[in-house]
Amino acid sequence: MWKRYIVELGWGADLHGQDVTKAAERAVKDAISRSCLCGLKEILGMKDLNEVAVHVTIATPYPEEVDKKTIESVKGGMEVPGLYVKEFGDCKDSIVVANAYVEVKVLC
């Protein structure tokens, strides 16, 4: 049976380029940057880290545009007014923001 071990939340934005995948990657990096899973070995005594699963849910204004590998992408996040600078890769004058929910589960 899988049980949740830790949950982290994070957010990320692409200020220029409106790239939801880039915003999603930054959101996941933000979430996991506050986590140290030393308790897997030190508290739970796990020897096989293959008994750990990570589930990621990303919320963006355009979930269908996220380059998905092993994540779930749902509608959410936001798109807010930004500054259009063509040389920075902008296609319009907005900022896309993504939220990440990262869940680590252990096999018990």
PDB file of N, CA and C in Angstrom:
ATOM      1  N   MET A   1       0.845  -1.172   0.000  1.00  0.00           N
ATOM      2  CA  MET A   1       0.000   0.000   0.000  1.00  0.00           C
ATOM      3  C   MET A   1       0.899   1.247   0.000  1.00  0.00           C
ATOM      4  N   TRP A   2       0.574   2.200  -0.872  1.00  0.00           N
ATOM      5  CA  TRP A   2       1.312   3.458  -0.944  1.00  0.00           C
ATOM      6  C   TRP A   2       0.736   4.445   0.059  1.00  0.00           C
ATOM      7  N   LYS A   3       1.625   5.132   0.788  1.00  0.00           N
ATOM      8  CA  LYS A   3       1.209   6.163   1.735  1.00  0.00           C
ATOM      9  C   LYS A   3       1.994   7.442   1.451  1.00  0.00           C
ATOM     10  N   ARG A   4       1.301   8.566   1.611  1.00  0.00           N
ATOM     11  CA  ARG A   4       1.974   9.850   1.392  1.00  0.00           C
ATOM     12  C   ARG A   4       3.028  10.077   2.470  1.00  0.00           C
ATOM     13  N   TYR A   5       4.182  10.540   2.047  1.00  0.00           N
ATOM     14  CA  TYR A   5       5.267  10.841   2.956  1.00  0.00           C
ATOM     15  C   TYR A   5       5.461  12.353   3.094  1.00  0.00           C
ATOM     16  N   ILE A   6       5.367  13.065   1.994  1.00  0.00           N
ATOM     17  CA  ILE A   6       5.548  14.513   2.006  1.00  0.00           C
ATOM     18  C   ILE A   6       4.751  15.131   0.864  1.00  0.00           C
ATOM     19  N   VAL A   7       4.285  16.351   1.086  1.00  0.00           N
ATOM     20  CA  VAL A   7       3.605  17.132   0.058  1.00  0.00           C
ATOM     21  C   VAL A   7       4.264  18.507   0.042  1.00  0.00           C
ATOM     22  N   GLU A   8       4.587  18.994  -1.125  1.00  0.00           N
ATOM     23  CA  GLU A   8       5.165  20.331  -1.280  1.00  0.00           C
ATOM     24  C   GLU A   8       4.415  21.069  -2.374  1.00  0.00           C
ATOM     25  N   LEU A   9       4.321  22.376  -2.228  1.00  0.00           N
ATOM     26  CA  LEU A   9       3.694  23.242  -3.216  1.00  0.00           C
ATOM     27  C   LEU A   9       4.729  24.237  -3.718  1.00  0.00           C
ATOM     28  N   GLY A  10       4.609  24.633  -4.964  1.00  0.00           N
ATOM     29  CA  GLY A  10       5.531  25.611  -5.518  1.00  0.00           C
ATOM     30  C   GLY A  10       4.878  26.382  -6.645  1.00  0.00           C
ATOM     31  N   TRP A  11       5.529  27.448  -7.052  1.00  0.00           N
ATOM     32  CA  TRP A  11       5.029  28.211  -8.189  1.00  0.00           C
ATOM     33  C   TRP A  11       6.199  28.668  -9.045  1.00  0.00           C
ATOM     34  N   GLY A  12       5.898  28.887 -10.306  1.00  0.00           N
ATOM     35  CA  GLY A  12       6.905  29.361 -11.236  1.00  0.00           C
ATOM     36  C   GLY A  12       6.241  30.196 -12.311  1.00  0.00           C
ATOM     37  N   ALA A  13       7.012  31.061 -12.918  1.00  0.00           N
ATOM     38  CA  ALA A  13       6.470  31.942 -13.958  1.00  0.00           C
ATOM     39  C   ALA A  13       7.451  32.038 -15.118  1.00  0.00           C
ATOM     40  N   ASP A  14       6.915  32.280 -16.310  1.00  0.00           N
ATOM     41  CA  ASP A  14       7.734  32.647 -17.457  1.00  0.00           C
ATOM     42  C   ASP A  14       7.374  34.096 -17.767  1.00  0.00           C
ATOM     43  N   LEU A  15       8.297  34.990 -17.453  1.00  0.00           N
ATOM     44  CA  LEU A  15       8.033  36.419 -17.618  1.00  0.00           C
ATOM     45  C   LEU A  15       8.038  36.853 -19.075  1.00  0.00           C
ATOM     46  N   HIS A  16       8.797  36.158 -19.899  1.00  0.00           N
ATOM     47  CA  HIS A  16       8.846  36.469 -21.329  1.00  0.00           C
ATOM     48  C   HIS A  16       8.799  35.163 -22.103  1.00  0.00           C
ATOM     49  N   GLY A  17       7.930  35.082 -23.064  1.00  0.00           N
ATOM     50  CA  GLY A  17       7.844  33.912 -23.919  1.00  0.00           C
ATOM     51  C   GLY A  17       6.577  33.101 -23.728  1.00  0.00           C
ATOM     52  N   GLN A  18       5.885  33.314 -22.616  1.00  0.00           N
ATOM     53  CA  GLN A  18       4.621  32.625 -22.339  1.00  0.00           C
ATOM     54  C   GLN A  18       4.749  31.109 -22.477  1.00  0.00           C
ATOM     55  N   ASP A  19       5.857  30.556 -22.008  1.00  0.00           N
ATOM     56  CA  ASP A  19       6.133  29.122 -22.103  1.00  0.00           C
ATOM     57  C   ASP A  19       5.654  28.431 -20.835  1.00  0.00           C
ATOM     58  N   VAL A  20       4.521  27.727 -20.914  1.00  0.00           N
ATOM     59  CA  VAL A  20       3.958  27.093 -19.714  1.00  0.00           C
ATOM     60  C   VAL A  20       4.832  25.946 -19.214  1.00  0.00           C
ATOM     61  N   THR A  21       5.576  25.287 -20.100  1.00  0.00           N
ATOM     62  CA  THR A  21       6.483  24.226 -19.649  1.00  0.00           C
ATOM     63  C   THR A  21       7.601  24.824 -18.803  1.00  0.00           C
ATOM     64  N   LYS A  22       8.145  25.943 -19.225  1.00  0.00           N
ATOM     65  CA  LYS A  22       9.192  26.605 -18.446  1.00  0.00           C
ATOM     66  C   LYS A  22       8.636  27.042 -17.086  1.00  0.00           C
ATOM     67  N   ALA A  23       7.434  27.591 -17.061  1.00  0.00           N
ATOM     68  CA  ALA A  23       6.809  27.998 -15.801  1.00  0.00           C
ATOM     69  C   ALA A  23       6.564  26.780 -14.912  1.00  0.00           C
ATOM     70  N   ALA A  24       6.134  25.668 -15.516  1.00  0.00           N
ATOM     71  CA  ALA A  24       5.885  24.433 -14.757  1.00  0.00           C
ATOM     72  C   ALA A  24       7.178  23.886 -14.165  1.00  0.00           C
ATOM     73  N   GLU A  25       8.257  23.875 -14.942  1.00  0.00           N
ATOM     74  CA  GLU A  25       9.550  23.402 -14.431  1.00  0.00           C
ATOM     75  C   GLU A  25      10.010  24.243 -13.253  1.00  0.00           C
ATOM     76  N   ARG A  26       9.816  25.538 -13.332  1.00  0.00           N
ATOM     77  CA  ARG A  26      10.206  26.426 -12.237  1.00  0.00           C
ATOM     78  C   ARG A  26       9.348  26.185 -11.005  1.00  0.00           C
ATOM     79  N   ALA A  27       8.074  25.868 -11.205  1.00  0.00           N
ATOM     80  CA  ALA A  27       7.179  25.583 -10.078  1.00  0.00           C
ATOM     81  C   ALA A  27       7.605  24.310  -9.352  1.00  0.00           C
ATOM     82  N   VAL A  28       7.960  23.274 -10.106  1.00  0.00           N
ATOM     83  CA  VAL A  28       8.411  22.022  -9.493  1.00  0.00           C
ATOM     84  C   VAL A  28       9.738  22.251  -8.769  1.00  0.00           C
ATOM     85  N   LYS A  29      10.650  22.987  -9.395  1.00  0.00           N
ATOM     86  CA  LYS A  29      11.932  23.278  -8.748  1.00  0.00           C
ATOM     87  C   LYS A  29      11.711  24.045  -7.451  1.00  0.00           C
ATOM     88  N   ASP A  30      10.783  24.980  -7.454  1.00  0.00           N
ATOM     89  CA  ASP A  30      10.462  25.737  -6.250  1.00  0.00           C
ATOM     90  C   ASP A  30       9.929  24.809  -5.156  1.00  0.00           C
ATOM     91  N   ALA A  31       9.054  23.887  -5.528  1.00  0.00           N
ATOM     92  CA  ALA A  31       8.478  22.965  -4.539  1.00  0.00           C
ATOM     93  C   ALA A  31       9.535  22.051  -3.934  1.00  0.00           C
ATOM     94  N   ILE A  32      10.359  21.456  -4.760  1.00  0.00           N
ATOM     95  CA  ILE A  32      11.311  20.471  -4.231  1.00  0.00           C
ATOM     96  C   ILE A  32      12.528  21.113  -3.580  1.00  0.00           C
ATOM     97  N   SER A  33      12.733  22.417  -3.803  1.00  0.00           N
ATOM     98  CA  SER A  33      13.904  23.066  -3.201  1.00  0.00           C
ATOM     99  C   SER A  33      13.773  23.191  -1.689  1.00  0.00           C
ATOM    100  N   ARG A  34      12.587  22.994  -1.151  1.00  0.00           N
ATOM    101  CA  ARG A  34      12.371  23.079   0.288  1.00  0.00           C
ATOM    102  C   ARG A  34      12.303  21.709   0.955  1.00  0.00           C
ATOM    103  N   SER A  35      12.617  20.667   0.235  1.00  0.00           N
ATOM    104  CA  SER A  35      12.455  19.313   0.769  1.00  0.00           C
ATOM    105  C   SER A  35      13.775  18.569   0.832  1.00  0.00           C
ATOM    106  N   CYS A  36      13.977  17.886   1.938  1.00  0.00           N
ATOM    107  CA  CYS A  36      15.084  16.946   2.081  1.00  0.00           C
ATOM    108  C   CYS A  36      14.447  15.643   2.547  1.00  0.00           C
ATOM    109  N   LEU A  37      14.614  14.615   1.793  1.00  0.00           N
ATOM    110  CA  LEU A  37      13.944  13.349   2.100  1.00  0.00           C
ATOM    111  C   LEU A  37      14.826  12.407   2.905  1.00  0.00           C
ATOM    112  N   CYS A  38      15.681  12.969   3.758  1.00  0.00           N
ATOM    113  CA  CYS A  38      16.570  12.130   4.566  1.00  0.00           C
ATOM    114  C   CYS A  38      15.784  11.187   5.480  1.00  0.00           C
ATOM    115  N   GLY A  39      14.567  11.535   5.815  1.00  0.00           N
ATOM    116  CA  GLY A  39      13.742  10.689   6.672  1.00  0.00           C
ATOM    117  C   GLY A  39      13.385   9.356   6.052  1.00  0.00           C
ATOM    118  N   LEU A  40      13.498   9.248   4.720  1.00  0.00           N
ATOM    119  CA  LEU A  40      13.208   7.964   4.080  1.00  0.00           C
ATOM    120  C   LEU A  40      14.114   6.881   4.639  1.00  0.00           C
ATOM    121  N   LYS A  41      15.390   7.183   4.806  1.00  0.00           N
ATOM    122  CA  LYS A  41      16.335   6.203   5.344  1.00  0.00           C
ATOM    123  C   LYS A  41      16.439   6.313   6.860  1.00  0.00           C
ATOM    124  N   GLU A  42      16.551   7.547   7.371  1.00  0.00           N
ATOM    125  CA  GLU A  42      16.824   7.749   8.786  1.00  0.00           C
ATOM    126  C   GLU A  42      15.633   7.442   9.695  1.00  0.00           C
ATOM    127  N   ILE A  43      14.423   7.721   9.249  1.00  0.00           N
ATOM    128  CA  ILE A  43      13.242   7.483  10.080  1.00  0.00           C
ATOM    129  C   ILE A  43      12.510   6.212   9.663  1.00  0.00           C
ATOM    130  N   LEU A  44      12.267   6.075   8.369  1.00  0.00           N
ATOM    131  CA  LEU A  44      11.528   4.907   7.885  1.00  0.00           C
ATOM    132  C   LEU A  44      12.423   3.684   7.692  1.00  0.00           C
ATOM    133  N   GLY A  45      13.737   3.904   7.637  1.00  0.00           N
ATOM    134  CA  GLY A  45      14.668   2.791   7.463  1.00  0.00           C
ATOM    135  C   GLY A  45      14.611   2.142   6.095  1.00  0.00           C
ATOM    136  N   MET A  46      14.192   2.894   5.081  1.00  0.00           N
ATOM    137  CA  MET A  46      14.081   2.327   3.733  1.00  0.00           C
ATOM    138  C   MET A  46      15.458   1.987   3.184  1.00  0.00           C
ATOM    139  N   LYS A  47      15.552   0.826   2.583  1.00  0.00           N
ATOM    140  CA  LYS A  47      16.796   0.401   1.955  1.00  0.00           C
ATOM    141  C   LYS A  47      16.679   0.472   0.433  1.00  0.00           C
ATOM    142  N   ASP A  48      15.481   0.269  -0.083  1.00  0.00           N
ATOM    143  CA  ASP A  48      15.244   0.258  -1.529  1.00  0.00           C
ATOM    144  C   ASP A  48      14.460   1.512  -1.919  1.00  0.00           C
ATOM    145  N   LEU A  49      15.157   2.484  -2.499  1.00  0.00           N
ATOM    146  CA  LEU A  49      14.480   3.725  -2.879  1.00  0.00           C
ATOM    147  C   LEU A  49      13.621   3.563  -4.127  1.00  0.00           C
ATOM    148  N   ASN A  50      13.568   2.337  -4.683  1.00  0.00           N
ATOM    149  CA  ASN A  50      12.599   2.056  -5.743  1.00  0.00           C
ATOM    150  C   ASN A  50      11.199   1.942  -5.168  1.00  0.00           C
ATOM    151  N   GLU A  51      11.093   1.947  -3.843  1.00  0.00           N
ATOM    152  CA  GLU A  51       9.795   1.903  -3.184  1.00  0.00           C
ATOM    153  C   GLU A  51       9.295   3.309  -2.882  1.00  0.00           C
ATOM    154  N   VAL A  52       9.783   4.259  -3.653  1.00  0.00           N
ATOM    155  CA  VAL A  52       9.367   5.657  -3.529  1.00  0.00           C
ATOM    156  C   VAL A  52       8.756   6.073  -4.867  1.00  0.00           C
ATOM    157  N   ALA A  53       7.624   6.752  -4.808  1.00  0.00           N
ATOM    158  CA  ALA A  53       6.974   7.251  -6.017  1.00  0.00           C
ATOM    159  C   ALA A  53       6.739   8.747  -5.862  1.00  0.00           C
ATOM    160  N   VAL A  54       6.880   9.470  -6.955  1.00  0.00           N
ATOM    161  CA  VAL A  54       6.637  10.910  -6.955  1.00  0.00           C
ATOM    162  C   VAL A  54       5.518  11.191  -7.946  1.00  0.00           C
ATOM    163  N   HIS A  55       4.531  11.943  -7.492  1.00  0.00           N
ATOM    164  CA  HIS A  55       3.431  12.355  -8.369  1.00  0.00           C
ATOM    165  C   HIS A  55       3.433  13.873  -8.420  1.00  0.00           C
ATOM    166  N   VAL A  56       3.392  14.438  -9.622  1.00  0.00           N
ATOM    167  CA  VAL A  56       3.420  15.884  -9.804  1.00  0.00           C
ATOM    168  C   VAL A  56       2.159  16.300 -10.548  1.00  0.00           C
ATOM    169  N   THR A  57       1.478  17.312 -10.018  1.00  0.00           N
ATOM    170  CA  THR A  57       0.344  17.931 -10.700  1.00  0.00           C
ATOM    171  C   THR A  57       0.703  19.382 -10.962  1.00  0.00           C
ATOM    172  N   ILE A  58       0.556  19.814 -12.205  1.00  0.00           N
ATOM    173  CA  ILE A  58       0.852  21.185 -12.614  1.00  0.00           C
ATOM    174  C   ILE A  58      -0.445  21.855 -13.049  1.00  0.00           C
ATOM    175  N   ALA A  59      -0.678  23.066 -12.535  1.00  0.00           N
ATOM    176  CA  ALA A  59      -1.842  23.846 -12.947  1.00  0.00           C
ATOM    177  C   ALA A  59      -1.357  25.060 -13.718  1.00  0.00           C
ATOM    178  N   THR A  60      -1.768  25.161 -14.979  1.00  0.00           N
ATOM    179  CA  THR A  60      -1.391  26.293 -15.828  1.00  0.00           C
ATOM    180  C   THR A  60      -2.617  26.760 -16.603  1.00  0.00           C
ATOM    181  N   PRO A  61      -2.551  27.984 -17.136  1.00  0.00           N
ATOM    182  CA  PRO A  61      -3.669  28.450 -17.946  1.00  0.00           C
ATOM    183  C   PRO A  61      -3.890  27.597 -19.193  1.00  0.00           C
ATOM    184  N   TYR A  62      -2.828  26.949 -19.675  1.00  0.00           N
ATOM    185  CA  TYR A  62      -2.906  26.153 -20.904  1.00  0.00           C
ATOM    186  C   TYR A  62      -2.304  24.769 -20.656  1.00  0.00           C
ATOM    187  N   PRO A  63      -3.005  23.892 -19.930  1.00  0.00           N
ATOM    188  CA  PRO A  63      -2.428  22.591 -19.563  1.00  0.00           C
ATOM    189  C   PRO A  63      -2.058  21.724 -20.764  1.00  0.00           C
ATOM    190  N   GLU A  64      -2.737  21.896 -21.860  1.00  0.00           N
ATOM    191  CA  GLU A  64      -2.448  21.081 -23.043  1.00  0.00           C
ATOM    192  C   GLU A  64      -1.094  21.427 -23.663  1.00  0.00           C
ATOM    193  N   GLU A  65      -0.521  22.576 -23.320  1.00  0.00           N
ATOM    194  CA  GLU A  65       0.760  22.995 -23.885  1.00  0.00           C
ATOM    195  C   GLU A  65       1.966  22.548 -23.052  1.00  0.00           C
ATOM    196  N   VAL A  66       1.732  21.982 -21.872  1.00  0.00           N
ATOM    197  CA  VAL A  66       2.842  21.535 -21.029  1.00  0.00           C
ATOM    198  C   VAL A  66       3.449  20.271 -21.616  1.00  0.00           C
ATOM    199  N   ASP A  67       4.774  20.256 -21.716  1.00  0.00           N
ATOM    200  CA  ASP A  67       5.486  19.069 -22.183  1.00  0.00           C
ATOM    201  C   ASP A  67       5.464  18.052 -21.042  1.00  0.00           C
ATOM    202  N   LYS A  68       4.523  17.108 -21.128  1.00  0.00           N
ATOM    203  CA  LYS A  68       4.301  16.158 -20.045  1.00  0.00           C
ATOM    204  C   LYS A  68       5.183  14.925 -20.212  1.00  0.00           C
ATOM    205  N   LYS A  69       5.792  14.529 -19.122  1.00  0.00           N
ATOM    206  CA  LYS A  69       6.524  13.271 -19.099  1.00  0.00           C
ATOM    207  C   LYS A  69       5.816  12.358 -18.114  1.00  0.00           C
ATOM    208  N   THR A  70       6.043  12.560 -16.855  1.00  0.00           N
ATOM    209  CA  THR A  70       5.358  11.743 -15.844  1.00  0.00           C
ATOM    210  C   THR A  70       4.600  12.651 -14.882  1.00  0.00           C
ATOM    211  N   ILE A  71       3.957  13.666 -15.448  1.00  0.00           N
ATOM    212  CA  ILE A  71       3.212  14.598 -14.611  1.00  0.00           C
ATOM    213  C   ILE A  71       1.772  14.691 -15.077  1.00  0.00           C
ATOM    214  N   GLU A  72       0.961  15.249 -14.227  1.00  0.00           N
ATOM    215  CA  GLU A  72      -0.427  15.533 -14.562  1.00  0.00           C
ATOM    216  C   GLU A  72      -0.537  17.039 -14.741  1.00  0.00           C
ATOM    217  N   SER A  73      -1.196  17.483 -15.795  1.00  0.00           N
ATOM    218  CA  SER A  73      -1.351  18.911 -16.047  1.00  0.00           C
ATOM    219  C   SER A  73      -2.833  19.244 -16.073  1.00  0.00           C
ATOM    220  N   VAL A  74      -3.226  20.199 -15.238  1.00  0.00           N
ATOM    221  CA  VAL A  74      -4.631  20.577 -15.110  1.00  0.00           C
ATOM    222  C   VAL A  74      -4.780  22.083 -15.328  1.00  0.00           C
ATOM    223  N   LYS A  75      -6.014  22.498 -15.562  1.00  0.00           N
ATOM    224  CA  LYS A  75      -6.314  23.922 -15.738  1.00  0.00           C
ATOM    225  C   LYS A  75      -6.132  24.636 -14.411  1.00  0.00           C
ATOM    226  N   GLY A  76      -5.480  25.778 -14.437  1.00  0.00           N
ATOM    227  CA  GLY A  76      -5.255  26.571 -13.226  1.00  0.00           C
ATOM    228  C   GLY A  76      -4.194  27.607 -13.488  1.00  0.00           C
ATOM    229  N   GLY A  77      -3.435  27.942 -12.449  1.00  0.00           N
ATOM    230  CA  GLY A  77      -2.419  28.965 -12.605  1.00  0.00           C
ATOM    231  C   GLY A  77      -3.063  30.268 -13.023  1.00  0.00           C
ATOM    232  N   MET A  78      -2.317  31.096 -13.721  1.00  0.00           N
ATOM    233  CA  MET A  78      -2.900  32.329 -14.221  1.00  0.00           C
ATOM    234  C   MET A  78      -2.043  32.930 -15.312  1.00  0.00           C
ATOM    235  N   GLU A  79      -2.658  33.810 -16.044  1.00  0.00           N
ATOM    236  CA  GLU A  79      -1.966  34.611 -17.040  1.00  0.00           C
ATOM    237  C   GLU A  79      -2.307  36.055 -16.728  1.00  0.00           C
ATOM    238  N   VAL A  80      -1.270  36.869 -16.543  1.00  0.00           N
ATOM    239  CA  VAL A  80      -1.472  38.255 -16.139  1.00  0.00           C
ATOM    240  C   VAL A  80      -0.766  39.184 -17.133  1.00  0.00           C
ATOM    241  N   PRO A  81      -1.148  40.466 -17.142  1.00  0.00           N
ATOM    242  CA  PRO A  81      -0.497  41.402 -18.055  1.00  0.00           C
ATOM    243  C   PRO A  81       1.006  41.461 -17.791  1.00  0.00           C
ATOM    244  N   GLY A  82       1.760  41.537 -18.860  1.00  0.00           N
ATOM    245  CA  GLY A  82       3.207  41.621 -18.758  1.00  0.00           C
ATOM    246  C   GLY A  82       3.734  42.723 -19.643  1.00  0.00           C
ATOM    247  N   LEU A  83       4.922  42.526 -20.151  1.00  0.00           N
ATOM    248  CA  LEU A  83       5.562  43.494 -21.019  1.00  0.00           C
ATOM    249  C   LEU A  83       6.006  42.770 -22.284  1.00  0.00           C
ATOM    250  N   TYR A  84       5.540  43.222 -23.428  1.00  0.00           N
ATOM    251  CA  TYR A  84       5.898  42.599 -24.698  1.00  0.00           C
ATOM    252  C   TYR A  84       7.270  43.080 -25.145  1.00  0.00           C
ATOM    253  N   VAL A  85       8.212  42.150 -25.227  1.00  0.00           N
ATOM    254  CA  VAL A  85       9.545  42.439 -25.755  1.00  0.00           C
ATOM    255  C   VAL A  85       9.877  41.313 -26.723  1.00  0.00           C
ATOM    256  N   LYS A  86       9.702  41.572 -27.996  1.00  0.00           N
ATOM    257  CA  LYS A  86       9.883  40.552 -29.034  1.00  0.00           C
ATOM    258  C   LYS A  86      11.248  39.873 -28.928  1.00  0.00           C
ATOM    259  N   GLU A  87      12.288  40.640 -28.623  1.00  0.00           N
ATOM    260  CA  GLU A  87      13.650  40.106 -28.550  1.00  0.00           C
ATOM    261  C   GLU A  87      13.828  39.094 -27.416  1.00  0.00           C
ATOM    262  N   PHE A  88      12.945  39.106 -26.431  1.00  0.00           N
ATOM    263  CA  PHE A  88      13.001  38.145 -25.323  1.00  0.00           C
ATOM    264  C   PHE A  88      12.155  36.908 -25.593  1.00  0.00           C
ATOM    265  N   GLY A  89      11.554  36.814 -26.768  1.00  0.00           N
ATOM    266  CA  GLY A  89      10.768  35.643 -27.130  1.00  0.00           C
ATOM    267  C   GLY A  89       9.279  35.782 -26.880  1.00  0.00           C
ATOM    268  N   ASP A  90       8.835  36.967 -26.509  1.00  0.00           N
ATOM    269  CA  ASP A  90       7.407  37.171 -26.259  1.00  0.00           C
ATOM    270  C   ASP A  90       6.587  37.031 -27.529  1.00  0.00           C
ATOM    271  N   CYS A  91       5.422  36.398 -27.395  1.00  0.00           N
ATOM    272  CA  CYS A  91       4.472  36.351 -28.504  1.00  0.00           C
ATOM    273  C   CYS A  91       3.272  37.244 -28.202  1.00  0.00           C
ATOM    274  N   LYS A  92       3.181  37.694 -26.944  1.00  0.00           N
ATOM    275  CA  LYS A  92       2.149  38.648 -26.531  1.00  0.00           C
ATOM    276  C   LYS A  92       2.600  39.291 -25.225  1.00  0.00           C
ATOM    277  N   ASP A  93       1.826  40.221 -24.716  1.00  0.00           N
ATOM    278  CA  ASP A  93       2.237  40.953 -23.519  1.00  0.00           C
ATOM    279  C   ASP A  93       1.632  40.351 -22.249  1.00  0.00           C
ATOM    280  N   SER A  94       2.068  39.128 -21.912  1.00  0.00           N
ATOM    281  CA  SER A  94       1.548  38.491 -20.703  1.00  0.00           C
ATOM    282  C   SER A  94       2.626  37.665 -20.017  1.00  0.00           C
ATOM    283  N   ILE A  95       2.340  37.330 -18.757  1.00  0.00           N
ATOM    284  CA  ILE A  95       3.183  36.460 -17.944  1.00  0.00           C
ATOM    285  C   ILE A  95       2.336  35.237 -17.594  1.00  0.00           C
ATOM    286  N   VAL A  96       2.876  34.039 -17.797  1.00  0.00           N
ATOM    287  CA  VAL A  96       2.152  32.837 -17.404  1.00  0.00           C
ATOM    288  C   VAL A  96       2.729  32.317 -16.088  1.00  0.00           C
ATOM    289  N   VAL A  97       1.825  31.914 -15.191  1.00  0.00           N
ATOM    290  CA  VAL A  97       2.211  31.417 -13.870  1.00  0.00           C
ATOM    291  C   VAL A  97       1.679  30.005 -13.711  1.00  0.00           C
ATOM    292  N   ALA A  98       2.525  29.115 -13.216  1.00  0.00           N
ATOM    293  CA  ALA A  98       2.131  27.722 -12.969  1.00  0.00           C
ATOM    294  C   ALA A  98       2.259  27.421 -11.484  1.00  0.00           C
ATOM    295  N   ASN A  99       1.387  26.565 -10.995  1.00  0.00           N
ATOM    296  CA  ASN A  99       1.458  26.066  -9.630  1.00  0.00           C
ATOM    297  C   ASN A  99       1.785  24.581  -9.693  1.00  0.00           C
ATOM    298  N   ALA A 100       2.588  24.108  -8.731  1.00  0.00           N
ATOM    299  CA  ALA A 100       2.953  22.694  -8.696  1.00  0.00           C
ATOM    300  C   ALA A 100       2.546  22.084  -7.367  1.00  0.00           C
ATOM    301  N   TYR A 101       2.055  20.868  -7.428  1.00  0.00           N
ATOM    302  CA  TYR A 101       1.755  20.037  -6.263  1.00  0.00           C
ATOM    303  C   TYR A 101       2.613  18.787  -6.425  1.00  0.00           C
ATOM    304  N   VAL A 102       3.578  18.617  -5.538  1.00  0.00           N
ATOM    305  CA  VAL A 102       4.485  17.479  -5.610  1.00  0.00           C
ATOM    306  C   VAL A 102       4.221  16.581  -4.415  1.00  0.00           C
ATOM    307  N   GLU A 103       3.920  15.321  -4.683  1.00  0.00           N
ATOM    308  CA  GLU A 103       3.576  14.364  -3.630  1.00  0.00           C
ATOM    309  C   GLU A 103       4.547  13.195  -3.722  1.00  0.00           C
ATOM    310  N   VAL A 104       5.206  12.896  -2.605  1.00  0.00           N
ATOM    311  CA  VAL A 104       6.112  11.746  -2.524  1.00  0.00           C
ATOM    312  C   VAL A 104       5.416  10.677  -1.702  1.00  0.00           C
ATOM    313  N   LYS A 105       5.351   9.474  -2.239  1.00  0.00           N
ATOM    314  CA  LYS A 105       4.709   8.346  -1.544  1.00  0.00           C
ATOM    315  C   LYS A 105       5.738   7.250  -1.323  1.00  0.00           C
ATOM    316  N   VAL A 106       5.529   6.499  -0.259  1.00  0.00           N
ATOM    317  CA  VAL A 106       6.401   5.362   0.026  1.00  0.00           C
ATOM    318  C   VAL A 106       5.556   4.103   0.082  1.00  0.00           C
ATOM    319  N   LEU A 107       6.178   2.984  -0.284  1.00  0.00           N
ATOM    320  CA  LEU A 107       5.498   1.698  -0.262  1.00  0.00           C
ATOM    321  C   LEU A 107       5.664   1.100   1.128  1.00  0.00           C
ATOM    322  N   CYS A 108       4.540   0.867   1.787  1.00  0.00           N
ATOM    323  CA  CYS A 108       4.567   0.325   3.156  1.00  0.00           C
ATOM    324  C   CYS A 108       3.995  -1.082   3.185  1.00  0.00           C
TER     325      CYS A 108
END
